[in-house]
Protein backbone atom coordinates (compact mmCIF):
# COMPACT_ATOMS: atom_id res chain seq x y z
CA UNK A 1 122.08 -66.71 31.39
CA UNK A 2 122.00 -69.58 34.01
CA UNK A 3 122.60 -67.47 37.07
CA UNK A 4 119.20 -65.22 35.82
CA UNK A 5 115.76 -66.44 37.48
CA UNK A 6 114.64 -67.02 34.13
CA UNK A 7 111.32 -68.55 35.33
CA UNK A 8 110.42 -65.80 37.33
CA UNK A 9 111.44 -63.50 34.72
CA UNK A 10 108.97 -65.59 32.35
CA UNK A 11 106.13 -65.10 35.26
CA UNK A 12 106.57 -61.59 35.97
CA UNK A 13 107.37 -59.59 32.86
CA UNK A 14 104.84 -60.28 31.20
CA UNK A 15 102.68 -59.38 34.20
CA UNK A 16 104.36 -56.17 34.83
CA UNK A 17 104.58 -55.53 31.25
CA UNK A 18 100.49 -55.68 31.38
CA UNK A 19 100.49 -53.05 33.87
CA UNK A 20 102.29 -50.75 32.05
CA UNK A 21 100.43 -51.39 29.10
CA UNK A 22 97.09 -50.67 31.65
CA UNK A 23 99.22 -47.54 32.63
CA UNK A 24 99.32 -45.79 29.15
CA UNK A 25 95.16 -45.99 29.05
CA UNK A 26 92.95 -46.42 26.22
CA UNK A 27 93.28 -43.08 25.09
CA UNK A 28 97.03 -44.33 23.68
CA UNK A 29 95.77 -47.40 21.32
CA UNK A 30 98.63 -47.96 19.07
CA UNK A 31 101.03 -47.56 22.05
CA UNK A 32 99.63 -49.78 24.29
CA UNK A 33 99.56 -52.66 20.91
CA UNK A 34 103.45 -51.62 20.22
CA UNK A 35 104.40 -52.09 23.61
CA UNK A 36 102.37 -54.77 24.15
CA UNK A 37 104.00 -56.65 21.18
CA UNK A 38 107.56 -55.58 22.67
CA UNK A 39 106.82 -57.36 25.81
CA UNK A 40 105.63 -60.74 24.18
CA UNK A 41 108.64 -60.46 21.74
CA UNK A 42 111.03 -59.91 25.21
CA UNK A 43 109.46 -62.56 26.98
CA UNK A 44 109.78 -65.02 23.97
CA UNK A 45 113.38 -64.15 23.56
CA UNK A 46 114.14 -64.49 27.10
CA UNK A 47 112.50 -68.07 27.37
CA UNK A 48 114.97 -69.47 24.93
CA UNK A 49 117.48 -69.26 27.31
CA UNK A 50 115.34 -72.37 28.84
CA UNK A 51 116.88 -74.38 25.45
CA UNK A 52 120.44 -72.48 25.86
CA UNK A 53 121.12 -73.91 29.61
CA UNK A 54 118.84 -76.95 29.78
CA UNK A 55 120.60 -80.00 30.98
CA UNK A 56 119.28 -82.54 28.32
CA UNK A 57 120.20 -85.72 29.91
CA UNK A 58 118.66 -84.38 33.34
CA UNK A 59 114.75 -85.87 34.27
CA UNK A 60 114.56 -83.70 37.12
CA UNK A 61 113.18 -79.60 37.32
CA UNK A 62 116.27 -77.30 36.26
CA UNK A 63 116.05 -73.67 37.02
CA UNK A 64 114.74 -73.98 40.40
CA UNK A 65 114.25 -71.40 42.63
CA UNK A 66 113.08 -71.46 46.18
CA UNK A 67 111.74 -68.97 48.31
CA UNK A 68 109.60 -68.67 51.90
CA UNK A 69 106.30 -67.38 50.97
CA UNK A 70 104.01 -69.01 53.97
CA UNK A 71 106.54 -71.29 55.74
CA UNK A 72 104.15 -72.13 59.02
CA UNK A 73 102.17 -73.71 56.39
CA UNK A 74 104.90 -75.15 54.34
CA UNK A 75 104.17 -73.14 51.25
CA UNK A 76 106.91 -71.96 49.43
CA UNK A 77 107.30 -69.66 46.19
CA UNK A 78 109.22 -72.97 44.03
CA UNK A 79 109.70 -73.00 40.38
CA UNK A 80 111.17 -75.64 38.61
CA UNK A 81 111.00 -77.09 35.00
CA UNK A 82 112.07 -80.17 33.48
CA UNK A 83 111.50 -81.21 29.84
CA UNK A 84 108.06 -81.13 29.49
CA UNK A 85 107.59 -77.63 31.12
CA UNK A 86 110.00 -76.07 28.48
CA UNK A 87 108.26 -77.18 26.07
CA UNK A 88 105.14 -75.95 26.93
CA UNK A 89 106.58 -72.61 28.20
CA UNK A 90 108.08 -72.40 25.01
CA UNK A 91 104.77 -72.94 23.32
CA UNK A 92 103.16 -70.48 25.67
CA UNK A 93 105.56 -67.65 24.80
CA UNK A 94 105.61 -68.17 21.01
CA UNK A 95 101.77 -68.47 20.54
CA UNK A 96 101.44 -65.11 22.60
CA UNK A 97 103.98 -63.39 20.46
CA UNK A 98 101.45 -64.55 17.13
CA UNK A 99 98.53 -63.85 18.49
CA UNK A 100 98.82 -59.99 19.60
CA UNK A 101 100.52 -59.79 15.89
CA UNK A 102 97.21 -61.66 14.06
CA UNK A 103 94.72 -59.19 16.32
CA UNK A 104 96.60 -56.03 15.97
CA UNK A 105 93.28 -53.92 14.57
CA UNK A 106 90.79 -56.49 15.24
CA UNK A 107 89.75 -54.91 18.26
CA UNK A 108 89.49 -50.89 18.66
CA UNK A 109 87.53 -51.00 22.36
CA UNK A 110 89.43 -50.50 25.51
CA UNK A 111 92.81 -51.55 23.43
CA UNK A 112 95.31 -51.20 26.59
CA UNK A 113 92.82 -53.41 28.69
CA UNK A 114 92.78 -56.17 25.86
CA UNK A 115 96.78 -56.26 25.48
CA UNK A 116 97.07 -55.94 29.10
CA UNK A 117 94.72 -58.98 29.65
CA UNK A 118 96.93 -61.08 27.02
CA UNK A 119 100.38 -60.76 28.78
CA UNK A 120 99.11 -60.93 31.99
CA UNK A 121 97.12 -64.32 31.07
CA UNK A 122 100.72 -65.30 29.32
CA UNK A 123 102.56 -64.69 32.75
CA UNK A 124 100.14 -66.53 34.73
CA UNK A 125 100.37 -69.47 32.36
CA UNK A 126 103.73 -69.21 32.78
CA UNK A 127 103.65 -69.80 36.25
CA UNK A 128 101.29 -72.75 35.89
CA UNK A 129 103.72 -74.54 34.04
CA UNK A 130 106.67 -73.26 36.47
CA UNK A 131 105.34 -74.04 40.10
CA UNK A 132 106.54 -76.77 41.80
CA UNK A 133 104.33 -76.06 44.90
CA UNK A 134 101.09 -77.25 44.73
CA UNK A 135 99.78 -74.00 46.42
CA UNK A 136 101.30 -71.72 44.01
CA UNK A 137 100.54 -74.27 41.28
CA UNK A 138 96.47 -73.50 42.31
CA UNK A 139 96.97 -69.89 42.79
CA UNK A 140 98.19 -69.58 39.20
CA UNK A 141 95.49 -72.32 37.87
CA UNK A 142 92.98 -70.09 39.35
CA UNK A 143 94.29 -66.81 38.81
CA UNK A 144 94.42 -66.94 34.57
CA UNK A 145 90.59 -67.58 34.87
CA UNK A 146 90.21 -64.30 35.45
CA UNK A 147 91.76 -62.13 32.44
CA UNK A 148 90.06 -65.17 30.11
CA UNK A 149 86.98 -64.32 31.77
CA UNK A 150 87.31 -60.94 30.77
CA UNK A 151 88.91 -61.22 27.49
CA UNK A 152 85.59 -63.22 26.52
CA UNK A 153 83.27 -61.41 28.61
CA UNK A 154 84.33 -58.18 27.39
CA UNK A 155 85.22 -58.13 24.15
CA UNK A 156 83.38 -61.64 23.14
CA UNK A 157 80.28 -62.00 20.50
CA UNK A 158 76.90 -61.04 21.29
CA UNK A 159 76.07 -64.29 23.96
CA UNK A 160 79.82 -63.57 25.89
CA UNK A 161 78.35 -62.93 29.02
CA UNK A 162 76.61 -66.32 29.20
CA UNK A 163 79.84 -68.06 27.40
CA UNK A 164 82.38 -66.21 30.18
CA UNK A 165 80.09 -67.31 32.76
CA UNK A 166 79.71 -70.94 32.03
CA UNK A 167 83.73 -70.98 31.16
CA UNK A 168 84.28 -69.65 34.76
CA UNK A 169 81.58 -71.70 36.47
CA UNK A 170 82.81 -75.13 34.67
CA UNK A 171 86.78 -74.44 35.75
CA UNK A 172 85.99 -72.87 39.04
CA UNK A 173 84.09 -75.61 40.73
CA UNK A 174 86.40 -78.29 38.91
CA UNK A 175 89.29 -77.00 40.47
CA UNK A 176 87.57 -76.60 43.96
CA UNK A 177 87.78 -80.38 44.42
CA UNK A 178 91.56 -79.65 43.27
CA UNK A 179 91.62 -77.94 46.18
CA UNK A 180 89.97 -80.29 48.78
CA UNK A 181 92.42 -82.78 47.87
CA UNK A 182 95.53 -80.86 48.10
CA UNK A 183 94.33 -79.96 51.49
CA UNK A 184 93.69 -83.37 52.20
CA UNK A 185 97.35 -84.31 51.08
CA UNK A 186 98.76 -81.32 53.57
CA UNK A 187 96.22 -82.82 56.51
CA UNK A 188 98.40 -86.14 55.90
CA UNK A 189 102.07 -85.66 55.14
CA UNK A 190 102.14 -81.91 56.23
CA UNK A 191 103.94 -80.60 52.77
CA UNK A 192 102.50 -79.09 49.48
CA UNK A 193 105.87 -79.89 47.87
CA UNK A 194 105.31 -81.58 44.82
CA UNK A 195 108.50 -84.14 45.70
CA UNK A 196 106.92 -84.89 48.65
CA UNK A 197 103.42 -85.77 48.01
CA UNK A 198 104.91 -87.91 44.94
CA UNK A 199 106.67 -89.83 48.11
CA UNK A 200 103.71 -89.92 50.11
CA UNK A 201 102.20 -93.43 51.06
CA UNK A 202 98.29 -93.57 50.07
CA UNK A 203 95.50 -96.45 50.49
CA UNK A 204 93.73 -97.79 47.70
CA UNK A 205 90.77 -95.36 49.29
CA UNK A 206 92.12 -92.38 49.22
CA UNK A 207 93.86 -92.75 45.92
CA UNK A 208 90.70 -93.25 44.40
CA UNK A 209 88.74 -90.23 45.87
CA UNK A 210 91.98 -87.72 44.97
CA UNK A 211 92.40 -89.21 41.42
CA UNK A 212 88.68 -88.32 41.03
CA UNK A 213 88.92 -84.87 42.53
CA UNK A 214 91.97 -84.20 40.33
CA UNK A 215 90.58 -85.48 36.97
CA UNK A 216 87.29 -83.64 37.63
CA UNK A 217 89.56 -80.61 37.76
CA UNK A 218 92.09 -81.41 34.73
CA UNK A 219 89.04 -82.66 32.68
CA UNK A 220 87.31 -79.91 32.27
CA UNK A 221 90.47 -77.67 31.31
CA UNK A 222 91.42 -80.57 28.67
CA UNK A 223 88.57 -80.78 28.17
CA UNK A 224 86.97 -84.55 28.40
CA UNK A 225 83.66 -85.79 27.38
CA UNK A 226 81.22 -85.21 28.78
CA UNK A 227 82.54 -81.86 31.03
CA UNK A 228 83.27 -80.20 27.58
CA UNK A 229 80.33 -78.19 26.31
CA UNK A 230 81.32 -74.86 27.45
CA UNK A 231 84.41 -74.69 24.83
CA UNK A 232 82.15 -74.65 21.89
CA UNK A 233 79.99 -71.63 23.61
CA UNK A 234 83.42 -69.96 25.12
CA UNK A 235 85.34 -70.24 21.46
CA UNK A 236 82.28 -68.86 19.44
CA UNK A 237 81.74 -66.15 21.68
CA UNK A 238 85.95 -65.01 22.34
CA UNK A 239 87.56 -62.53 19.91
CA UNK A 240 89.33 -64.35 17.84
CA UNK A 241 92.80 -63.74 19.84
CA UNK A 242 90.79 -65.37 22.49
CA UNK A 243 90.07 -68.22 20.95
CA UNK A 244 93.72 -68.98 19.59
CA UNK A 245 95.36 -68.84 23.19
CA UNK A 246 92.22 -71.00 24.79
CA UNK A 247 92.98 -73.74 21.86
CA UNK A 248 96.46 -73.70 21.81
CA UNK A 249 97.76 -73.02 25.46
CA UNK A 250 94.58 -73.19 28.10
CA UNK A 251 93.89 -76.43 26.64
CA UNK A 252 96.94 -77.73 27.53
CA UNK A 253 97.11 -76.69 31.16
CA UNK A 254 94.55 -79.69 31.58
CA UNK A 255 96.94 -82.26 30.21
CA UNK A 256 99.66 -80.79 31.99
CA UNK A 257 98.02 -81.09 35.21
CA UNK A 258 97.03 -84.70 35.03
CA UNK A 259 101.26 -85.39 34.13
CA UNK A 260 102.76 -83.23 36.53
CA UNK A 261 100.22 -83.20 39.62
CA UNK A 262 97.41 -86.11 39.45
CA UNK A 263 98.95 -89.07 38.25
CA UNK A 264 102.73 -89.60 39.83
CA UNK A 265 100.40 -89.23 42.95
CA UNK A 266 97.75 -91.31 42.99
CA UNK A 267 99.34 -94.12 40.35
CA UNK A 268 97.36 -96.78 41.77
CA UNK A 269 94.24 -95.15 40.96
CA UNK A 270 95.21 -94.32 37.56
CA UNK A 271 96.10 -97.60 36.59
CA UNK A 272 92.82 -98.96 38.04
CA UNK A 273 90.72 -96.34 36.15
CA UNK A 274 92.68 -95.79 33.37
CA UNK A 275 90.04 -97.84 31.14
CA UNK A 276 87.42 -95.69 32.31
CA UNK A 277 89.45 -92.61 30.75
CA UNK A 278 90.48 -94.42 27.88
CA UNK A 279 86.78 -94.74 26.85
CA UNK A 280 86.17 -91.82 27.38
CA UNK A 281 88.76 -90.52 25.50
CA UNK A 282 87.44 -92.75 22.44
CA UNK A 283 83.97 -91.25 22.86
CA UNK A 284 85.87 -87.91 22.27
CA UNK A 285 88.06 -88.93 19.37
CA UNK A 286 84.90 -90.09 17.95
CA UNK A 287 81.46 -89.29 18.73
CA UNK A 288 82.38 -85.24 18.47
CA UNK A 289 84.41 -85.56 15.58
CA UNK A 290 80.84 -86.54 14.37
CA UNK A 291 79.66 -83.68 15.80
CA UNK A 292 82.40 -81.38 13.94
CA UNK A 293 80.57 -82.81 10.90
CA UNK A 294 77.46 -81.00 11.08
CA UNK A 295 78.53 -77.81 12.39
CA UNK A 296 77.87 -74.60 10.23
CA UNK A 297 79.99 -72.39 12.03
CA UNK A 298 83.44 -72.26 11.19
CA UNK A 299 84.37 -71.78 15.15
CA UNK A 300 82.47 -74.11 16.17
CA UNK A 301 83.47 -76.69 13.97
CA UNK A 302 87.23 -76.02 14.77
CA UNK A 303 86.11 -76.02 18.82
CA UNK A 304 84.56 -79.65 18.30
CA UNK A 305 87.83 -80.61 16.42
CA UNK A 306 89.83 -79.49 19.42
CA UNK A 307 87.70 -81.82 21.80
CA UNK A 308 88.49 -84.76 19.71
CA UNK A 309 91.77 -83.65 18.91
CA UNK A 310 92.72 -83.53 22.83
CA UNK A 311 91.27 -87.31 23.42
CA UNK A 312 94.19 -88.41 21.74
CA UNK A 313 96.44 -86.65 24.91
CA UNK A 314 93.86 -88.23 27.43
CA UNK A 315 94.29 -91.60 25.49
CA UNK A 316 98.29 -91.46 25.13
CA UNK A 317 98.40 -90.79 29.04
CA UNK A 318 96.42 -93.49 30.22
CA UNK A 319 97.34 -96.36 27.71
CA UNK A 320 101.03 -95.90 29.16
CA UNK A 321 99.52 -97.17 32.49
CA UNK A 322 97.98 -100.50 30.76
CA UNK A 323 101.33 -100.97 29.31
CA UNK A 324 103.26 -100.40 32.07
CA UNK A 325 101.53 -102.01 34.63
CA UNK A 326 98.99 -105.21 32.89
CA UNK A 327 101.99 -105.89 30.47
CA UNK A 328 105.24 -104.46 31.73
CA UNK A 329 106.16 -102.63 28.48
CA UNK A 330 107.71 -99.80 29.76
CA UNK A 331 109.13 -98.77 26.09
CA UNK A 332 105.24 -98.29 24.86
CA UNK A 333 104.23 -96.45 27.91
CA UNK A 334 107.20 -93.85 26.81
CA UNK A 335 105.86 -94.16 23.56
CA UNK A 336 101.79 -93.18 24.42
CA UNK A 337 103.32 -90.33 27.08
CA UNK A 338 105.76 -88.99 24.74
CA UNK A 339 102.88 -88.79 21.66
CA UNK A 340 100.46 -87.24 24.34
CA UNK A 341 102.66 -84.59 24.46
CA UNK A 342 103.68 -83.98 20.68
CA UNK A 343 99.77 -83.56 20.35
CA UNK A 344 99.57 -81.05 22.88
CA UNK A 345 102.19 -79.21 21.26
CA UNK A 346 101.10 -79.67 17.82
CA UNK A 347 97.50 -79.00 18.76
CA UNK A 348 98.57 -75.67 19.87
CA UNK A 349 99.99 -74.98 16.31
CA UNK A 350 97.16 -76.40 14.36
CA UNK A 351 94.28 -74.98 16.51
CA UNK A 352 95.88 -71.38 16.83
CA UNK A 353 96.19 -71.56 13.16
CA UNK A 354 92.74 -72.72 12.01
CA UNK A 355 91.46 -70.34 14.37
CA UNK A 356 93.55 -67.11 13.11
CA UNK A 357 92.22 -67.97 9.66
CA UNK A 358 88.45 -67.76 10.75
CA UNK A 359 89.86 -64.33 12.27
CA UNK A 360 91.36 -63.22 8.99
CA UNK A 361 88.20 -63.83 7.24
CA UNK A 362 85.69 -62.31 9.94
CA UNK A 363 87.58 -59.05 9.87
CA UNK A 364 86.65 -59.03 5.82
CA UNK A 365 83.26 -60.50 6.21
CA UNK A 366 82.07 -60.38 9.91
CA UNK A 367 80.75 -63.31 9.88
CA UNK A 368 81.73 -66.76 10.51
CA UNK A 369 78.56 -68.97 8.92
CA UNK A 370 80.31 -71.46 6.23
CA UNK A 371 77.55 -70.73 4.08
CA UNK A 372 78.30 -67.43 3.65
CA UNK A 373 81.31 -68.37 1.72
CA UNK A 374 82.71 -70.09 -0.88
CA UNK A 375 85.25 -70.16 -3.66
CA UNK A 376 87.60 -67.78 -1.20
CA UNK A 377 90.78 -68.94 -3.18
CA UNK A 378 90.06 -67.19 -6.33
CA UNK A 379 89.99 -63.63 -4.36
CA UNK A 380 92.51 -64.75 -1.38
CA UNK A 381 95.36 -67.28 -2.98
CA UNK A 382 97.46 -67.11 -0.44
CA UNK A 383 95.69 -67.03 2.29
CA UNK A 384 93.55 -70.36 0.67
CA UNK A 385 97.16 -71.68 0.17
CA UNK A 386 97.69 -71.71 4.22
CA UNK A 387 94.26 -72.47 4.90
CA UNK A 388 94.44 -75.44 2.87
CA UNK A 389 97.94 -76.28 4.63
CA UNK A 390 96.04 -76.04 7.98
CA UNK A 391 93.42 -78.12 7.25
CA UNK A 392 95.57 -81.04 5.88
CA UNK A 393 97.52 -80.68 9.35
CA UNK A 394 94.23 -80.70 11.00
CA UNK A 395 93.21 -83.92 8.94
CA UNK A 396 96.89 -85.74 10.47
CA UNK A 397 98.64 -85.81 7.05
CA UNK A 398 102.11 -87.26 6.97
CA UNK A 399 104.67 -84.51 7.03
CA UNK A 400 102.81 -82.14 9.26
CA UNK A 401 102.87 -82.10 13.18
CA UNK A 402 98.88 -83.36 12.81
CA UNK A 403 100.38 -86.88 12.07
CA UNK A 404 103.09 -87.34 14.65
CA UNK A 405 101.35 -87.16 17.91
CA UNK A 406 98.13 -89.30 16.57
CA UNK A 407 100.70 -92.07 15.53
CA UNK A 408 102.75 -92.24 18.26
CA UNK A 409 99.42 -92.91 20.36
CA UNK A 410 97.83 -95.21 17.58
CA UNK A 411 101.35 -97.05 17.53
CA UNK A 412 101.43 -97.60 21.26
CA UNK A 413 97.88 -98.53 21.76
CA UNK A 414 97.93 -101.15 19.05
CA UNK A 415 101.00 -102.97 21.01
CA UNK A 416 98.50 -104.49 23.28
CA UNK A 417 94.91 -102.89 22.53
CA UNK A 418 94.27 -103.33 18.77
CA UNK A 419 91.25 -102.40 19.13
CA UNK A 420 91.63 -99.25 21.12
CA UNK A 421 94.46 -98.26 17.97
CA UNK A 422 91.60 -99.22 15.44
CA UNK A 423 88.96 -96.67 17.20
CA UNK A 424 91.48 -93.87 17.85
CA UNK A 425 92.54 -94.17 13.80
CA UNK A 426 89.03 -93.55 12.92
CA UNK A 427 89.80 -89.84 13.84
CA UNK A 428 92.03 -90.09 10.68
CA UNK A 429 88.73 -90.78 8.63
CA UNK A 430 86.28 -88.58 10.37
CA UNK A 431 88.78 -85.63 10.82
CA UNK A 432 89.80 -85.17 6.77
CA UNK A 433 85.74 -85.76 6.85
CA UNK A 434 84.76 -82.57 8.67
CA UNK A 435 88.32 -80.69 7.89
CA UNK A 436 88.04 -81.59 3.71
CA UNK A 437 83.93 -80.18 3.95
CA UNK A 438 85.03 -77.32 5.75
CA UNK A 439 87.64 -76.36 3.34
CA UNK A 440 85.54 -77.57 0.08
CA UNK A 441 82.72 -75.27 1.39
CA UNK A 442 84.81 -72.06 2.08
CA UNK A 443 88.04 -72.10 0.20
CA UNK A 444 87.71 -73.80 -3.09
CA UNK A 445 84.72 -73.96 -6.12
CA UNK A 446 83.53 -70.75 -7.68
CA UNK A 447 82.79 -67.81 -6.13
CA UNK A 448 79.93 -67.88 -4.40
CA UNK A 449 78.87 -63.90 -3.69
CA UNK A 450 79.58 -60.24 -4.04
CA UNK A 451 81.18 -60.15 -0.87
CA UNK A 452 83.59 -62.83 -1.65
CA UNK A 453 84.40 -61.39 -4.94
CA UNK A 454 85.54 -58.03 -3.21
CA UNK A 455 88.00 -60.17 -0.63
CA UNK A 456 91.97 -58.89 -0.14
CA UNK A 457 94.50 -61.29 0.12
CA UNK A 458 96.27 -61.58 3.22
CA UNK A 459 98.56 -58.18 4.44
CA UNK A 460 102.14 -58.62 4.96
CA UNK A 461 101.37 -58.55 8.80
CA UNK A 462 98.78 -61.53 8.30
CA UNK A 463 101.31 -63.60 5.77
CA UNK A 464 104.00 -63.43 8.89
CA UNK A 465 101.60 -64.77 10.81
CA UNK A 466 100.47 -67.70 9.09
CA UNK A 467 103.51 -68.33 7.87
CA UNK A 468 104.67 -68.14 11.45
CA UNK A 469 102.27 -71.11 12.07
CA UNK A 470 102.94 -72.95 9.08
CA UNK A 471 106.67 -73.37 9.80
CA UNK A 472 105.89 -74.78 13.09
CA UNK A 473 103.55 -77.18 11.81
CA UNK A 474 105.82 -78.11 8.98
CA UNK A 475 109.07 -77.84 10.93
CA UNK A 476 107.39 -80.16 13.85
CA UNK A 477 105.78 -83.05 11.15
CA UNK A 478 109.08 -83.27 9.27
CA UNK A 479 111.82 -83.17 12.05
CA UNK A 480 110.02 -83.52 15.14
CA UNK A 481 113.25 -85.42 16.94
CA UNK A 482 114.37 -82.18 18.58
CA UNK A 483 110.76 -81.96 20.33
CA UNK A 484 110.80 -85.28 21.68
CA UNK A 485 114.89 -85.34 22.66
CA UNK A 486 113.76 -82.22 24.73
CA UNK A 487 111.15 -84.64 26.87
CA UNK A 488 112.43 -87.72 26.75
CA UNK A 489 114.43 -88.09 29.98
CA UNK A 490 111.58 -86.76 32.03
CA UNK A 491 109.00 -88.61 29.89
CA UNK A 492 111.36 -92.11 31.22
CA UNK A 493 111.05 -90.67 34.76
CA UNK A 494 107.24 -90.41 34.38
CA UNK A 495 106.87 -93.63 32.84
CA UNK A 496 109.09 -95.22 36.06
CA UNK A 497 106.25 -93.20 38.68
CA UNK A 498 103.12 -94.56 36.72
CA UNK A 499 104.89 -98.09 37.13
CA UNK A 500 105.89 -97.78 40.75
CA UNK A 501 103.27 -98.91 42.96
CA UNK A 502 102.32 -97.08 46.41
CA UNK A 503 100.09 -99.97 47.82
């Protein structure tokens, strides 16, 4: 497959597939589901070609495609993927398959449009991870808001209009600042190509302004404290599949944007403001984790948990600046960056699994309130086993993927900043507190009421979806080496970019 325009296939196959699903119309709901699922599976199969043709020793972009788009402004349809991008592309294509399978019968209104929205969202997100032209990245970055806005606003809960508008306004206004920064870079250097932006000399003042323009855009996506307040509302109102994609994929775009676009362009400002972002990350890890502890809605609890766990991503990224710039510890910086990336992949599986579990319960009882459950394991033993496994992973239990990334970030922090490592490690206590408290009230104990007594255990389809998530969580937890080997050369190159000053 080395001669295929593989990245273009991963972008346009699901988008064209979404158009075909739309053409079927809502009167043929079954055909729309099957066609959408087939397109998602085919896209995932093509994404595996990234592994078969990938040169693990090459830290640069591979599978490169370049076509003139608007040459008068040096804007090109340029695609390329390194180990970091390949990992996220595989995550996106796999999660989309599991999401469409998991949400098979949960929506019966405008089914063709629903399935098409997820396929188009998948293609646009693949475009974000594959773009190596800043304008192309920005176009995909903005375009993916549209299907997600529709998923929340059309198929969401009672307050879906409020939640979808809040989501759209937060992310759109943040990305406008990124556009201003990109236009400034073009005026200064005459190029939108990533390689040119990395090499462009910038003063300390220019870097500072650009740093915050990019930071705000990507911080909203992650989301970082204090611009995280749109996420719980979006999760609560979104349909189950929307919550899975939002948590497992959309949040990763912010972390990827920092690694690919922001920090290599403004490395000196990143170093100067690293401690500021580290403090915000620790607030997310500790304070937002405590907020999760008092929630009475399962979706809202998992949403705040996502904010807390994504705090490890920004912590790992910015602790690398301190390690490599202040102490010359390149190995520690690589460990922090690697931990941030492993945490992103792991969080994709765990959060996707947790929201899928909530969807399984909601489809049966049409409530997400914790008080309405209790003793579910007595009537749904297989589901209870899956839920407890994902709860343990969310708590950071060794042997699950939830432990690996967090441990790497804590270990990197501890090398020069034991106090930061201490506060970061409190998530293992806080995360266990709110997750085990959730498991105790929903899964364990005696049957709470007649509605719980009538619950039926997971179907074969649901068991296969939850089993897929479980296999990923355990595989990454027990043997993360294939993932770290895939990303290591690109991570090492990124650490060197952070170490080099432009002043």
